[in-house]
N, C-alpha and C. Protein backbone atom coordinates (compact mmCIF):
# COMPACT_ATOMS: atom_id res chain seq x y z
N MET A 1 -52.25 -18.84 1.55
CA MET A 1 -53.06 -19.33 0.88
C MET A 1 -52.97 -21.02 0.22
N ILE A 2 -53.45 -21.94 0.93
CA ILE A 2 -53.31 -23.70 0.05
C ILE A 2 -53.89 -23.14 -1.20
N GLY A 3 -53.23 -23.84 -2.62
CA GLY A 3 -53.85 -23.98 -3.18
C GLY A 3 -54.99 -25.34 -3.62
N LEU A 4 -55.78 -24.82 -4.66
CA LEU A 4 -56.65 -26.27 -4.62
C LEU A 4 -56.63 -27.54 -4.50
N PRO A 5 -55.82 -28.37 -5.23
CA PRO A 5 -54.85 -29.42 -5.19
C PRO A 5 -54.12 -29.91 -3.82
N LEU A 6 -53.93 -28.75 -3.69
CA LEU A 6 -53.05 -29.15 -2.12
C LEU A 6 -54.24 -30.03 -0.85
N ALA A 7 -55.62 -28.54 -1.17
CA ALA A 7 -56.47 -29.30 0.08
C ALA A 7 -56.45 -29.70 -0.50
N ALA A 8 -57.19 -30.09 -1.60
CA ALA A 8 -58.08 -31.17 -1.57
C ALA A 8 -57.65 -33.25 -1.16
N ALA A 9 -56.18 -32.78 -1.53
CA ALA A 9 -55.46 -33.84 -0.88
C ALA A 9 -54.82 -33.81 0.34
N LEU A 10 -54.95 -32.11 1.21
CA LEU A 10 -54.61 -32.58 2.50
C LEU A 10 -56.15 -33.36 3.30
N ALA A 11 -57.27 -33.21 3.11
CA ALA A 11 -58.78 -34.03 3.23
C ALA A 11 -59.02 -34.79 2.68
N LEU A 12 -58.54 -35.19 1.45
CA LEU A 12 -57.88 -36.63 1.49
C LEU A 12 -57.38 -37.86 2.54
N TRP A 13 -56.37 -37.06 2.96
CA TRP A 13 -55.17 -37.73 3.26
C TRP A 13 -55.96 -37.61 4.91
N GLY A 14 -56.45 -36.64 5.15
CA GLY A 14 -56.49 -36.30 6.29
C GLY A 14 -58.08 -37.09 7.18
N GLY A 15 -58.99 -38.10 6.05
CA GLY A 15 -59.95 -38.91 6.45
C GLY A 15 -60.94 -37.85 5.62
N GLY A 16 -60.42 -37.15 5.43
CA GLY A 16 -62.49 -36.03 5.13
C GLY A 16 -62.80 -36.68 3.68
N ALA A 17 -61.94 -37.56 2.70
CA ALA A 17 -63.02 -38.36 1.72
C ALA A 17 -64.33 -38.51 1.51
N GLN A 18 -64.76 -39.09 3.15
CA GLN A 18 -66.31 -39.45 2.94
C GLN A 18 -66.95 -38.15 3.10
N ALA A 19 -66.38 -37.04 4.36
CA ALA A 19 -67.05 -36.31 4.53
C ALA A 19 -67.38 -35.48 2.89
N ILE A 20 -66.56 -35.29 1.86
CA ILE A 20 -66.52 -34.75 0.63
C ILE A 20 -67.46 -35.52 0.31
N ALA A 21 -67.43 -36.59 -0.20
CA ALA A 21 -68.29 -37.45 -1.37
C ALA A 21 -69.87 -37.26 -0.54
N GLU A 22 -70.32 -37.35 0.61
CA GLU A 22 -70.92 -37.11 1.60
C GLU A 22 -71.70 -35.72 1.19
N TYR A 23 -71.13 -35.12 1.23
CA TYR A 23 -71.62 -33.50 1.05
C TYR A 23 -72.30 -33.26 -0.51
N ARG A 24 -71.39 -34.41 -1.36
CA ARG A 24 -71.69 -33.46 -2.68
C ARG A 24 -72.75 -34.63 -3.05
N VAL A 25 -73.03 -35.69 -2.49
CA VAL A 25 -74.05 -36.20 -3.06
C VAL A 25 -75.44 -35.36 -2.42
N HIS A 26 -75.55 -35.13 -1.12
CA HIS A 26 -76.03 -34.46 -0.27
C HIS A 26 -76.40 -32.78 -1.57
N SER A 27 -76.11 -32.29 -1.58
CA SER A 27 -76.38 -31.64 -2.97
C SER A 27 -76.88 -31.79 -3.92
N GLY A 28 -76.15 -32.77 -4.77
CA GLY A 28 -76.72 -33.16 -5.92
C GLY A 28 -78.11 -33.78 -5.71
N LEU A 29 -78.63 -34.28 -4.47
CA LEU A 29 -80.51 -35.01 -4.14
C LEU A 29 -80.57 -33.50 -3.23
N ARG A 30 -80.46 -32.48 -2.95
CA ARG A 30 -81.43 -31.59 -3.14
C ARG A 30 -81.56 -30.84 -4.39
N GLU A 31 -80.22 -30.83 -5.20
CA GLU A 31 -80.57 -29.89 -6.55
C GLU A 31 -81.46 -30.52 -7.34
N ALA A 32 -81.65 -32.34 -6.94
CA ALA A 32 -82.66 -33.08 -7.71
C ALA A 32 -84.35 -32.69 -7.22
N GLY A 33 -84.12 -32.19 -5.95
CA GLY A 33 -85.71 -31.98 -5.80
C GLY A 33 -86.37 -32.51 -4.63
N LEU A 34 -84.58 -33.25 -3.83
CA LEU A 34 -85.44 -34.00 -2.60
C LEU A 34 -85.51 -32.91 -1.69
N SER A 35 -86.07 -33.76 -0.36
CA SER A 35 -85.96 -32.87 0.76
C SER A 35 -84.70 -32.93 1.74
N GLU A 36 -84.77 -31.88 2.35
CA GLU A 36 -82.91 -31.48 2.98
C GLU A 36 -83.36 -32.73 4.04
N ARG A 37 -84.31 -33.36 4.62
CA ARG A 37 -83.94 -34.57 4.89
C ARG A 37 -83.59 -36.18 4.62
N THR A 38 -84.75 -36.21 3.46
CA THR A 38 -84.06 -37.32 3.20
C THR A 38 -82.92 -37.47 2.07
N SER A 39 -82.31 -36.25 1.76
CA SER A 39 -81.28 -35.77 0.97
C SER A 39 -80.40 -36.38 2.24
N GLY A 40 -80.41 -35.77 3.12
CA GLY A 40 -78.59 -35.99 4.12
C GLY A 40 -79.08 -37.79 4.40
N CYS A 41 -80.21 -38.06 4.92
CA CYS A 41 -80.29 -39.41 5.10
C CYS A 41 -79.72 -40.63 4.03
N MET A 42 -80.41 -39.78 3.17
CA MET A 42 -80.08 -40.94 1.58
C MET A 42 -78.68 -40.54 1.23
N ALA A 43 -78.03 -38.79 1.39
CA ALA A 43 -76.26 -39.38 1.15
C ALA A 43 -75.22 -40.14 2.19
N ARG A 44 -75.79 -40.06 3.26
CA ARG A 44 -75.39 -41.26 4.56
C ARG A 44 -74.88 -42.17 4.09
N ARG A 45 -76.37 -43.07 4.13
CA ARG A 45 -76.26 -44.23 3.11
C ARG A 45 -75.87 -44.96 1.52
N MET A 46 -75.78 -43.87 1.46
CA MET A 46 -75.25 -44.04 -0.11
C MET A 46 -73.49 -44.14 -0.15
N VAL A 47 -72.81 -42.80 0.47
CA VAL A 47 -71.68 -42.95 0.33
C VAL A 47 -70.89 -43.98 0.76
N ARG A 48 -71.78 -45.45 2.35
CA ARG A 48 -71.17 -46.03 2.92
C ARG A 48 -71.44 -47.29 1.88
N ARG A 49 -72.19 -47.49 1.85
CA ARG A 49 -72.62 -48.45 0.49
C ARG A 49 -71.52 -48.26 -0.89
N LEU A 50 -71.64 -47.29 -1.41
CA LEU A 50 -70.91 -46.98 -3.13
C LEU A 50 -69.91 -47.17 -3.03
N THR A 51 -69.06 -47.20 -4.48
CA THR A 51 -68.05 -46.53 -4.96
C THR A 51 -68.00 -45.19 -5.12
N ILE A 52 -67.10 -44.84 -5.19
CA ILE A 52 -66.61 -43.30 -5.70
C ILE A 52 -66.82 -43.48 -7.45
N PRO A 53 -66.70 -44.62 -8.11
CA PRO A 53 -66.83 -44.76 -9.65
C PRO A 53 -68.48 -44.70 -9.61
N GLN A 54 -69.36 -45.86 -8.83
CA GLN A 54 -70.74 -45.91 -8.60
C GLN A 54 -71.33 -43.97 -8.10
N LEU A 55 -70.84 -43.75 -7.59
CA LEU A 55 -70.76 -42.31 -7.09
C LEU A 55 -71.23 -41.26 -7.86
N PHE A 56 -69.73 -41.03 -9.12
CA PHE A 56 -69.46 -40.28 -9.98
C PHE A 56 -70.81 -40.87 -11.31
N ARG A 57 -71.37 -42.24 -11.38
CA ARG A 57 -72.08 -41.82 -12.16
C ARG A 57 -73.57 -41.50 -11.83
N LEU A 58 -73.48 -41.34 -10.61
CA LEU A 58 -74.74 -40.49 -10.33
C LEU A 58 -74.99 -38.94 -10.76
N GLN A 59 -73.99 -39.00 -10.56
CA GLN A 59 -73.66 -36.64 -10.82
C GLN A 59 -74.34 -36.77 -11.83
N ALA A 60 -74.63 -37.58 -13.02
CA ALA A 60 -75.28 -36.89 -14.67
C ALA A 60 -76.78 -36.84 -13.60
N LEU A 61 -77.45 -37.56 -12.75
CA LEU A 61 -78.67 -37.43 -12.78
C LEU A 61 -79.14 -35.90 -12.15
N GLU A 62 -77.75 -35.24 -11.59
CA GLU A 62 -77.85 -33.77 -10.64
C GLU A 62 -78.28 -32.65 -11.97
N GLY A 63 -79.35 -31.72 -10.53
CA GLY A 63 -80.00 -30.27 -11.96
C GLY A 63 -81.25 -30.25 -12.14
N GLN A 64 -81.31 -31.89 -11.46
CA GLN A 64 -83.23 -32.69 -12.32
C GLN A 64 -84.48 -32.42 -12.16
N LYS A 65 -85.18 -31.33 -11.64
CA LYS A 65 -86.16 -31.79 -10.10
C LYS A 65 -86.91 -32.74 -11.07
N ARG A 66 -87.08 -33.42 -9.25
CA ARG A 66 -87.94 -34.84 -9.59
C ARG A 66 -88.65 -35.28 -8.41
N SER A 67 -89.32 -35.78 -8.15
CA SER A 67 -89.75 -36.48 -6.81
C SER A 67 -89.00 -37.56 -6.40
N LEU A 68 -88.85 -37.73 -5.05
CA LEU A 68 -88.27 -39.00 -5.11
C LEU A 68 -88.21 -40.11 -5.91
N GLY A 69 -89.75 -40.42 -5.53
CA GLY A 69 -90.03 -41.85 -6.66
C GLY A 69 -89.56 -41.93 -8.32
N ALA A 70 -89.61 -40.25 -8.42
CA ALA A 70 -89.01 -40.10 -10.22
C ALA A 70 -87.73 -40.11 -10.39
N TYR A 71 -87.59 -39.77 -8.61
CA TYR A 71 -85.45 -39.73 -8.86
C TYR A 71 -85.03 -41.17 -8.77
N VAL A 72 -85.78 -42.44 -8.15
CA VAL A 72 -85.54 -43.56 -7.88
C VAL A 72 -85.29 -44.05 -9.11
N LYS A 73 -86.77 -44.00 -10.20
CA LYS A 73 -87.17 -44.23 -11.36
C LYS A 73 -85.94 -43.79 -12.31
N ALA A 74 -85.65 -42.83 -12.42
CA ALA A 74 -83.99 -42.34 -13.00
C ALA A 74 -82.92 -42.90 -12.87
N VAL A 75 -82.76 -43.45 -11.63
CA VAL A 75 -81.29 -44.23 -11.12
C VAL A 75 -81.28 -45.08 -11.98
N ARG A 76 -82.17 -45.66 -13.02
CA ARG A 76 -82.25 -47.24 -13.27
C ARG A 76 -81.49 -46.61 -14.63
N ALA A 77 -81.53 -45.32 -15.10
CA ALA A 77 -80.91 -45.54 -16.55
C ALA A 77 -79.23 -45.58 -15.84
N VAL A 78 -78.34 -45.46 -14.91
CA VAL A 78 -77.32 -45.84 -15.07
C VAL A 78 -76.97 -47.30 -14.74
N GLY A 79 -77.98 -47.75 -15.38
CA GLY A 79 -77.63 -49.86 -15.14
C GLY A 79 -76.64 -50.18 -14.35
N ASP A 80 -76.77 -50.02 -13.13
CA ASP A 80 -75.75 -50.62 -12.40
C ASP A 80 -76.88 -50.98 -11.01
N GLY A 81 -76.86 -52.11 -11.00
CA GLY A 81 -78.04 -52.92 -10.05
C GLY A 81 -77.50 -52.51 -8.64
N GLU A 82 -76.15 -52.80 -8.49
CA GLU A 82 -76.14 -51.82 -6.71
C GLU A 82 -76.26 -50.40 -6.09
N VAL A 83 -76.60 -49.65 -7.66
CA VAL A 83 -76.57 -48.23 -6.86
C VAL A 83 -78.02 -48.39 -7.31
N ILE A 84 -78.97 -48.80 -8.08
CA ILE A 84 -80.09 -49.05 -7.96
C ILE A 84 -80.89 -49.50 -7.03
N ALA A 85 -80.68 -51.12 -6.11
CA ALA A 85 -80.79 -51.04 -5.18
C ALA A 85 -80.64 -50.29 -3.68
N VAL A 86 -78.72 -49.85 -3.56
CA VAL A 86 -79.14 -48.90 -2.71
C VAL A 86 -79.69 -47.84 -2.55
N THR A 87 -80.00 -47.05 -3.82
CA THR A 87 -80.74 -45.62 -4.23
C THR A 87 -82.09 -46.11 -3.39
N ALA A 88 -82.24 -47.09 -4.12
CA ALA A 88 -84.29 -47.37 -4.01
C ALA A 88 -84.15 -47.46 -1.78
N SER A 89 -83.13 -48.52 -1.55
CA SER A 89 -83.45 -49.16 -0.66
C SER A 89 -83.33 -47.63 1.14
N SER A 90 -82.33 -46.67 0.34
CA SER A 90 -82.13 -45.72 0.64
C SER A 90 -83.32 -44.64 0.97
N ALA A 91 -83.78 -44.92 -0.06
CA ALA A 91 -84.76 -43.85 -0.48
C ALA A 91 -86.15 -44.25 0.46
N ALA A 92 -86.63 -45.59 0.40
CA ALA A 92 -87.12 -45.97 1.18
C ALA A 92 -87.68 -45.45 2.89
N LEU A 93 -86.07 -46.46 3.23
CA LEU A 93 -86.31 -46.34 4.36
C LEU A 93 -85.97 -44.92 5.17
N CYS A 94 -86.07 -44.10 4.22
CA CYS A 94 -85.23 -42.32 4.31
C CYS A 94 -86.39 -42.02 4.88
N ALA A 95 -87.41 -41.91 3.45
CA ALA A 95 -88.49 -41.35 3.28
C ALA A 95 -89.22 -42.04 4.51
N SER A 96 -89.47 -43.18 5.03
CA SER A 96 -90.49 -43.77 6.04
C SER A 96 -89.85 -43.03 7.10
N GLY A 97 -89.02 -42.84 7.23
CA GLY A 97 -88.21 -42.52 8.79
C GLY A 97 -87.65 -43.45 9.74
N LEU A 98 -87.60 -44.86 8.98
CA LEU A 98 -86.89 -46.01 9.50
C LEU A 98 -85.43 -46.00 10.01
N ALA A 99 -84.61 -44.98 8.90
CA ALA A 99 -83.29 -44.73 8.76
C ALA A 99 -83.58 -42.92 9.07
N ARG A 100 -82.27 -42.83 9.61
CA ARG A 100 -82.00 -41.48 9.60
C ARG A 100 -80.66 -40.88 9.38
């Protein structure tokens, strides 16, 4: 059995970094109370548009149950304009069905 650090390094080396980040963002959004469909859509958009450090800043919001609007409002506490813009636009596009 491969150790966890080696497995993580192989996943990153093999191009799995985006998939891992998307899974973590999706899980965090689900835990925050967003729907499965909206979480998946938002995670794809956010991982493509934000840096890893920006995504880590959003982890502070994990586990707190919110509506979509309240979640976007809470993101303002992160204090990063790009994170706020990407989250808000992703929420609007995904909730309206304009993005999938």
